[in-house]
Amino acid sequence: MPVFAVFSFSAFAEPLAPVLDDDAVTECVTSEEPQPEIPDDADKQISAPVWADVNGDDKFNVTDLSLVCAHVKGIKSLDDPSAADVSGDGKVNVIDVVKIAFAVKRQII
């Protein structure tokens, strides 16, 4: 016979902020080091690669998933397999396929 337990999270919750007593002192540290100057003509936007964007269209979707599947099955190699290595283990394999599939599914729902 299965046994089930119900836990109340509030019973186990830790306070999120430290409790300070009356003698607690907070400090603010400032730096007087000169800040680097940014020229007015500098582009202030930084573009970062999109996670799991295998085909380079700046989004990840089922197309990226199908390309990674084809790569793992040996049907068609990726031009840049590093974008498909979402697990970070240095290889593109079924683990990456599962992670991308899960992310695509969560994005669609």
N, C-alpha and C. Protein backbone atom coordinates (compact mmCIF):
# COMPACT_ATOMS: atom_id res chain seq x y z
N MET A 1 0.85 -1.18 0.00
CA MET A 1 0.00 0.00 0.00
C MET A 1 0.89 1.24 0.00
N PRO A 2 0.69 2.15 -0.96
CA PRO A 2 1.52 3.37 -1.00
C PRO A 2 1.22 4.29 0.17
N VAL A 3 2.24 4.96 0.59
CA VAL A 3 2.11 5.93 1.67
C VAL A 3 2.39 7.31 1.09
N PHE A 4 1.52 8.24 1.35
CA PHE A 4 1.67 9.60 0.84
C PHE A 4 1.87 10.55 2.01
N ALA A 5 2.68 11.55 1.78
CA ALA A 5 2.89 12.58 2.80
C ALA A 5 2.63 13.94 2.17
N VAL A 6 2.04 14.80 2.92
CA VAL A 6 1.77 16.16 2.47
C VAL A 6 2.59 17.10 3.34
N PHE A 7 3.38 17.93 2.70
CA PHE A 7 4.21 18.87 3.43
C PHE A 7 3.72 20.28 3.18
N SER A 8 3.79 21.08 4.19
CA SER A 8 3.48 22.49 4.05
C SER A 8 4.80 23.23 3.89
N PHE A 9 4.96 23.93 2.77
CA PHE A 9 6.22 24.64 2.54
C PHE A 9 6.46 25.73 3.57
N SER A 10 5.40 26.31 4.08
CA SER A 10 5.59 27.38 5.05
C SER A 10 6.21 26.87 6.34
N ALA A 11 6.01 25.60 6.64
CA ALA A 11 6.59 25.04 7.86
C ALA A 11 8.10 24.91 7.75
N PHE A 12 8.61 24.79 6.51
CA PHE A 12 10.04 24.59 6.32
C PHE A 12 10.74 25.83 5.76
N ALA A 13 10.00 26.87 5.52
CA ALA A 13 10.56 28.06 4.86
C ALA A 13 11.53 28.79 5.76
N GLU A 14 12.61 29.24 5.15
CA GLU A 14 13.59 30.08 5.84
C GLU A 14 13.22 31.53 5.56
N PRO A 15 13.52 32.42 6.46
CA PRO A 15 13.26 33.83 6.15
C PRO A 15 14.10 34.26 4.94
N LEU A 16 13.52 35.05 4.06
CA LEU A 16 14.23 35.48 2.87
C LEU A 16 15.22 36.59 3.15
N ALA A 17 14.95 37.41 4.12
CA ALA A 17 15.85 38.51 4.45
C ALA A 17 16.41 38.29 5.84
N PRO A 18 17.66 38.65 6.05
CA PRO A 18 18.22 38.47 7.39
C PRO A 18 17.51 39.38 8.39
N VAL A 19 17.39 38.88 9.59
CA VAL A 19 16.78 39.67 10.65
C VAL A 19 17.90 40.45 11.32
N LEU A 20 17.78 41.77 11.31
CA LEU A 20 18.82 42.62 11.88
C LEU A 20 18.38 43.10 13.26
N ASP A 21 19.33 43.12 14.16
CA ASP A 21 19.00 43.65 15.49
C ASP A 21 19.26 45.16 15.50
N ASP A 22 19.01 45.79 16.62
CA ASP A 22 19.15 47.24 16.71
C ASP A 22 20.60 47.70 16.58
N ASP A 23 21.56 46.81 16.86
CA ASP A 23 22.97 47.19 16.79
C ASP A 23 23.57 46.98 15.40
N ALA A 24 22.77 46.48 14.48
CA ALA A 24 23.29 46.20 13.14
C ALA A 24 23.62 47.50 12.42
N VAL A 25 24.73 47.50 11.73
CA VAL A 25 25.17 48.67 10.99
C VAL A 25 25.30 48.27 9.53
N THR A 26 24.71 49.04 8.67
CA THR A 26 24.89 48.79 7.24
C THR A 26 25.89 49.79 6.70
N GLU A 27 26.69 49.36 5.74
CA GLU A 27 27.72 50.22 5.18
C GLU A 27 27.52 50.36 3.69
N CYS A 28 27.93 51.48 3.19
CA CYS A 28 27.91 51.73 1.75
C CYS A 28 29.35 52.02 1.34
N VAL A 29 29.85 51.24 0.42
CA VAL A 29 31.22 51.42 -0.04
C VAL A 29 31.17 52.05 -1.43
N THR A 30 31.90 53.12 -1.59
CA THR A 30 31.95 53.78 -2.90
C THR A 30 33.37 53.75 -3.42
N SER A 31 33.49 53.91 -4.71
CA SER A 31 34.80 53.91 -5.33
C SER A 31 35.02 55.26 -6.00
N GLU A 32 36.22 55.77 -5.85
CA GLU A 32 36.53 57.04 -6.49
C GLU A 32 37.41 56.83 -7.71
N GLU A 33 37.47 55.59 -8.19
CA GLU A 33 38.24 55.31 -9.39
C GLU A 33 37.54 55.93 -10.59
N PRO A 34 38.30 56.47 -11.53
CA PRO A 34 37.66 57.07 -12.71
C PRO A 34 36.97 55.99 -13.55
N GLN A 35 35.81 56.34 -14.05
CA GLN A 35 35.07 55.42 -14.90
C GLN A 35 35.52 55.61 -16.34
N PRO A 36 35.57 54.53 -17.11
CA PRO A 36 36.00 54.68 -18.51
C PRO A 36 34.99 55.50 -19.30
N GLU A 37 35.51 56.28 -20.23
CA GLU A 37 34.63 57.10 -21.07
C GLU A 37 34.17 56.28 -22.26
N ILE A 38 32.89 56.40 -22.56
CA ILE A 38 32.32 55.72 -23.72
C ILE A 38 32.07 56.77 -24.77
N PRO A 39 32.65 56.61 -25.96
CA PRO A 39 32.44 57.61 -27.00
C PRO A 39 30.97 57.67 -27.40
N ASP A 40 30.53 58.86 -27.83
CA ASP A 40 29.13 59.06 -28.21
C ASP A 40 28.71 58.20 -29.38
N ASP A 41 29.65 57.87 -30.26
CA ASP A 41 29.30 57.09 -31.44
C ASP A 41 29.34 55.58 -31.20
N ALA A 42 29.60 55.17 -29.97
CA ALA A 42 29.66 53.74 -29.67
C ALA A 42 28.25 53.14 -29.67
N ASP A 43 28.15 51.97 -30.22
CA ASP A 43 26.86 51.27 -30.21
C ASP A 43 26.65 50.70 -28.82
N LYS A 44 25.59 51.11 -28.17
CA LYS A 44 25.38 50.71 -26.78
C LYS A 44 24.60 49.41 -26.65
N GLN A 45 24.17 48.85 -27.77
CA GLN A 45 23.47 47.57 -27.71
C GLN A 45 24.46 46.45 -27.92
N ILE A 46 24.30 45.44 -27.09
CA ILE A 46 25.14 44.26 -27.21
C ILE A 46 24.24 43.11 -27.63
N SER A 47 24.59 42.45 -28.69
CA SER A 47 23.78 41.31 -29.09
C SER A 47 24.48 40.04 -28.66
N ALA A 48 23.74 39.19 -28.03
CA ALA A 48 24.25 37.90 -27.58
C ALA A 48 23.57 36.82 -28.40
N PRO A 49 24.26 35.73 -28.64
CA PRO A 49 23.62 34.66 -29.39
C PRO A 49 22.42 34.09 -28.63
N VAL A 50 21.41 33.70 -29.37
CA VAL A 50 20.21 33.12 -28.77
C VAL A 50 20.50 31.67 -28.45
N TRP A 51 20.12 31.26 -27.25
CA TRP A 51 20.33 29.89 -26.79
C TRP A 51 19.69 28.92 -27.76
N ALA A 52 20.41 27.91 -28.21
CA ALA A 52 19.95 26.83 -29.08
C ALA A 52 19.54 27.31 -30.47
N ASP A 53 19.97 28.49 -30.87
CA ASP A 53 19.66 28.98 -32.22
C ASP A 53 20.67 28.39 -33.18
N VAL A 54 20.34 27.23 -33.72
CA VAL A 54 21.26 26.49 -34.57
C VAL A 54 21.33 27.07 -35.98
N ASN A 55 20.21 27.56 -36.49
CA ASN A 55 20.20 28.05 -37.87
C ASN A 55 20.47 29.56 -37.97
N GLY A 56 20.67 30.25 -36.85
CA GLY A 56 21.07 31.65 -36.86
C GLY A 56 19.99 32.65 -37.18
N ASP A 57 18.72 32.31 -36.92
CA ASP A 57 17.63 33.26 -37.20
C ASP A 57 17.21 34.06 -35.97
N ASP A 58 18.06 34.07 -34.95
CA ASP A 58 17.84 34.83 -33.70
C ASP A 58 16.66 34.37 -32.88
N LYS A 59 16.27 33.11 -33.01
CA LYS A 59 15.26 32.50 -32.14
C LYS A 59 15.47 30.99 -32.17
N PHE A 60 14.97 30.33 -31.15
CA PHE A 60 15.04 28.87 -31.20
C PHE A 60 13.62 28.35 -31.30
N ASN A 61 13.46 27.35 -32.16
CA ASN A 61 12.14 26.78 -32.40
C ASN A 61 12.28 25.36 -32.94
N VAL A 62 11.19 24.83 -33.45
CA VAL A 62 11.19 23.44 -33.92
C VAL A 62 12.14 23.24 -35.10
N THR A 63 12.43 24.28 -35.85
CA THR A 63 13.40 24.16 -36.95
C THR A 63 14.78 23.84 -36.40
N ASP A 64 15.18 24.53 -35.34
CA ASP A 64 16.46 24.23 -34.71
C ASP A 64 16.48 22.81 -34.17
N LEU A 65 15.38 22.40 -33.58
CA LEU A 65 15.28 21.04 -33.04
C LEU A 65 15.47 20.01 -34.16
N SER A 66 14.82 20.21 -35.29
CA SER A 66 14.94 19.24 -36.38
C SER A 66 16.36 19.20 -36.94
N LEU A 67 17.03 20.34 -36.99
CA LEU A 67 18.42 20.36 -37.46
C LEU A 67 19.35 19.61 -36.51
N VAL A 68 19.12 19.76 -35.20
CA VAL A 68 19.94 19.05 -34.22
C VAL A 68 19.67 17.55 -34.31
N CYS A 69 18.41 17.16 -34.49
CA CYS A 69 18.07 15.74 -34.64
C CYS A 69 18.78 15.15 -35.85
N ALA A 70 18.75 15.86 -36.97
CA ALA A 70 19.41 15.38 -38.18
C ALA A 70 20.91 15.24 -37.97
N HIS A 71 21.49 16.16 -37.22
CA HIS A 71 22.93 16.09 -36.92
C HIS A 71 23.25 14.87 -36.06
N VAL A 72 22.45 14.66 -35.02
CA VAL A 72 22.70 13.53 -34.11
C VAL A 72 22.52 12.20 -34.83
N LYS A 73 21.54 12.12 -35.73
CA LYS A 73 21.30 10.88 -36.48
C LYS A 73 22.29 10.69 -37.62
N GLY A 74 23.13 11.67 -37.90
CA GLY A 74 24.13 11.55 -38.95
C GLY A 74 23.59 11.85 -40.34
N ILE A 75 22.41 12.45 -40.43
CA ILE A 75 21.80 12.75 -41.72
C ILE A 75 22.44 13.99 -42.34
N LYS A 76 22.61 15.04 -41.55
CA LYS A 76 23.22 16.27 -42.04
C LYS A 76 23.98 16.94 -40.90
N SER A 77 25.24 17.23 -41.14
CA SER A 77 26.07 17.87 -40.11
C SER A 77 25.75 19.35 -40.01
N LEU A 78 25.88 19.87 -38.80
CA LEU A 78 25.66 21.29 -38.57
C LEU A 78 26.91 22.08 -38.95
N ASP A 79 26.72 23.29 -39.46
CA ASP A 79 27.85 24.15 -39.79
C ASP A 79 28.60 24.56 -38.52
N ASP A 80 27.85 24.90 -37.47
CA ASP A 80 28.44 25.30 -36.19
C ASP A 80 27.77 24.50 -35.08
N PRO A 81 28.29 23.31 -34.76
CA PRO A 81 27.64 22.48 -33.75
C PRO A 81 27.70 23.05 -32.34
N SER A 82 28.53 24.06 -32.09
CA SER A 82 28.62 24.61 -30.73
C SER A 82 27.30 25.22 -30.28
N ALA A 83 26.51 25.76 -31.20
CA ALA A 83 25.21 26.33 -30.84
C ALA A 83 24.24 25.26 -30.37
N ALA A 84 24.43 24.03 -30.82
CA ALA A 84 23.54 22.93 -30.45
C ALA A 84 23.96 22.25 -29.16
N ASP A 85 25.16 22.53 -28.67
CA ASP A 85 25.64 21.90 -27.44
C ASP A 85 25.10 22.65 -26.23
N VAL A 86 23.80 22.51 -25.98
CA VAL A 86 23.17 23.24 -24.89
C VAL A 86 23.46 22.63 -23.53
N SER A 87 23.89 21.38 -23.50
CA SER A 87 24.24 20.76 -22.22
C SER A 87 25.63 21.19 -21.76
N GLY A 88 26.44 21.70 -22.68
CA GLY A 88 27.76 22.19 -22.32
C GLY A 88 28.80 21.12 -22.10
N ASP A 89 28.56 19.91 -22.61
CA ASP A 89 29.52 18.82 -22.40
C ASP A 89 30.51 18.68 -23.54
N GLY A 90 30.46 19.59 -24.52
CA GLY A 90 31.40 19.54 -25.63
C GLY A 90 30.97 18.62 -26.76
N LYS A 91 29.81 18.00 -26.64
CA LYS A 91 29.30 17.08 -27.66
C LYS A 91 27.87 17.46 -27.98
N VAL A 92 27.44 17.15 -29.19
CA VAL A 92 26.04 17.30 -29.57
C VAL A 92 25.46 15.90 -29.65
N ASN A 93 24.55 15.60 -28.73
CA ASN A 93 23.98 14.26 -28.68
C ASN A 93 22.52 14.33 -28.25
N VAL A 94 21.96 13.18 -27.91
CA VAL A 94 20.54 13.10 -27.57
C VAL A 94 20.19 13.93 -26.34
N ILE A 95 21.14 14.16 -25.47
CA ILE A 95 20.87 15.01 -24.29
C ILE A 95 20.52 16.42 -24.75
N ASP A 96 21.25 16.92 -25.73
CA ASP A 96 20.95 18.25 -26.27
C ASP A 96 19.59 18.26 -26.98
N VAL A 97 19.28 17.19 -27.70
CA VAL A 97 17.99 17.09 -28.38
C VAL A 97 16.85 17.17 -27.36
N VAL A 98 16.98 16.43 -26.27
CA VAL A 98 15.93 16.42 -25.24
C VAL A 98 15.78 17.81 -24.61
N LYS A 99 16.89 18.46 -24.30
CA LYS A 99 16.82 19.79 -23.68
C LYS A 99 16.17 20.81 -24.62
N ILE A 100 16.53 20.77 -25.89
CA ILE A 100 15.94 21.71 -26.85
C ILE A 100 14.47 21.39 -27.06
N ALA A 101 14.13 20.09 -27.16
CA ALA A 101 12.72 19.70 -27.34
C ALA A 101 11.87 20.17 -26.17
N PHE A 102 12.38 20.02 -24.96
CA PHE A 102 11.65 20.46 -23.78
C PHE A 102 11.44 21.97 -23.80
N ALA A 103 12.48 22.70 -24.18
CA ALA A 103 12.37 24.17 -24.23
C ALA A 103 11.40 24.61 -25.32
N VAL A 104 11.42 23.96 -26.47
CA VAL A 104 10.49 24.31 -27.55
C VAL A 104 9.06 24.02 -27.11
N LYS A 105 8.86 22.89 -26.45
CA LYS A 105 7.52 22.53 -25.98
C LYS A 105 7.00 23.56 -24.98
N ARG A 106 7.84 23.98 -24.06
CA ARG A 106 7.43 24.99 -23.07
C ARG A 106 7.15 26.33 -23.73
N GLN A 107 7.83 26.62 -24.80
CA GLN A 107 7.64 27.88 -25.51
C GLN A 107 6.30 27.88 -26.25
N ILE A 108 5.89 26.74 -26.76
CA ILE A 108 4.66 26.63 -27.54
C ILE A 108 3.43 26.63 -26.65
N ILE A 109 3.52 25.98 -25.52
CA ILE A 109 2.35 25.83 -24.64
C ILE A 109 1.99 27.13 -23.97
